[in-house]
Protein backbone atom coordinates (compact mmCIF):
# COMPACT_ATOMS: atom_id res chain seq x y z
CA UNK A 1 -13.21 -64.78 21.48
CA UNK A 2 -9.99 -66.76 21.89
CA UNK A 3 -6.37 -65.82 22.48
CA UNK A 4 -4.66 -65.43 19.11
CA UNK A 5 -7.79 -64.22 17.32
CA UNK A 6 -7.16 -61.37 14.89
CA UNK A 7 -9.62 -58.53 15.50
CA UNK A 8 -10.20 -55.12 13.93
CA UNK A 9 -10.76 -51.97 15.91
CA UNK A 10 -13.19 -49.96 13.74
CA UNK A 11 -11.87 -46.63 12.42
CA UNK A 12 -8.31 -47.47 13.54
CA UNK A 13 -6.90 -49.67 10.79
CA UNK A 14 -4.65 -52.72 11.11
CA UNK A 15 -5.62 -55.88 12.91
CA UNK A 16 -4.87 -56.43 16.59
CA UNK A 17 -4.25 -59.80 18.26
CA UNK A 18 -6.16 -60.93 21.36
CA UNK A 19 -3.64 -61.80 24.10
CA UNK A 20 -5.98 -62.22 27.10
CA UNK A 21 -9.72 -62.54 27.53
CA UNK A 22 -12.07 -61.31 30.22
CA UNK A 23 -15.80 -61.38 30.79
CA UNK A 24 -16.66 -58.16 28.91
CA UNK A 25 -13.29 -57.10 27.53
CA UNK A 26 -10.18 -58.46 25.89
CA UNK A 27 -6.56 -57.43 26.11
CA UNK A 28 -5.16 -56.83 22.63
CA UNK A 29 -1.70 -56.32 21.19
CA UNK A 30 -1.96 -53.48 18.70
CA UNK A 31 1.31 -52.49 17.02
CA UNK A 32 3.29 -53.55 20.12
CA UNK A 33 1.01 -51.78 22.61
CA UNK A 34 -1.17 -53.91 24.88
CA UNK A 35 -4.43 -52.59 26.30
CA UNK A 36 -7.92 -53.67 27.37
CA UNK A 37 -10.91 -52.91 25.16
CA UNK A 38 -14.58 -53.88 25.39
CA UNK A 39 -15.55 -56.82 23.19
CA UNK A 40 -18.50 -54.86 21.77
CA UNK A 41 -16.10 -52.35 20.19
CA UNK A 42 -14.26 -54.97 18.10
CA UNK A 43 -14.95 -56.61 14.76
CA UNK A 44 -13.80 -60.10 13.87
CA UNK A 45 -13.04 -60.19 10.12
CA UNK A 46 -14.97 -62.96 8.37
CA UNK A 47 -17.25 -63.61 11.37
CA UNK A 48 -20.89 -63.07 10.51
CA UNK A 49 -20.21 -62.33 6.85
CA UNK A 50 -22.72 -63.91 4.49
CA UNK A 51 -20.13 -64.45 1.76
């Protein structure tokens, strides 16, 4: 996952932007708030879709 990638936090709503990456987590900017979240909890829209 790269800086600038748009990700979705399931059950939350709008997209967040990755601002920093780590080994198992990424720091995201979500509606002006920045926080760390585990990569496994995120969805990348369009990634892995069979369409």
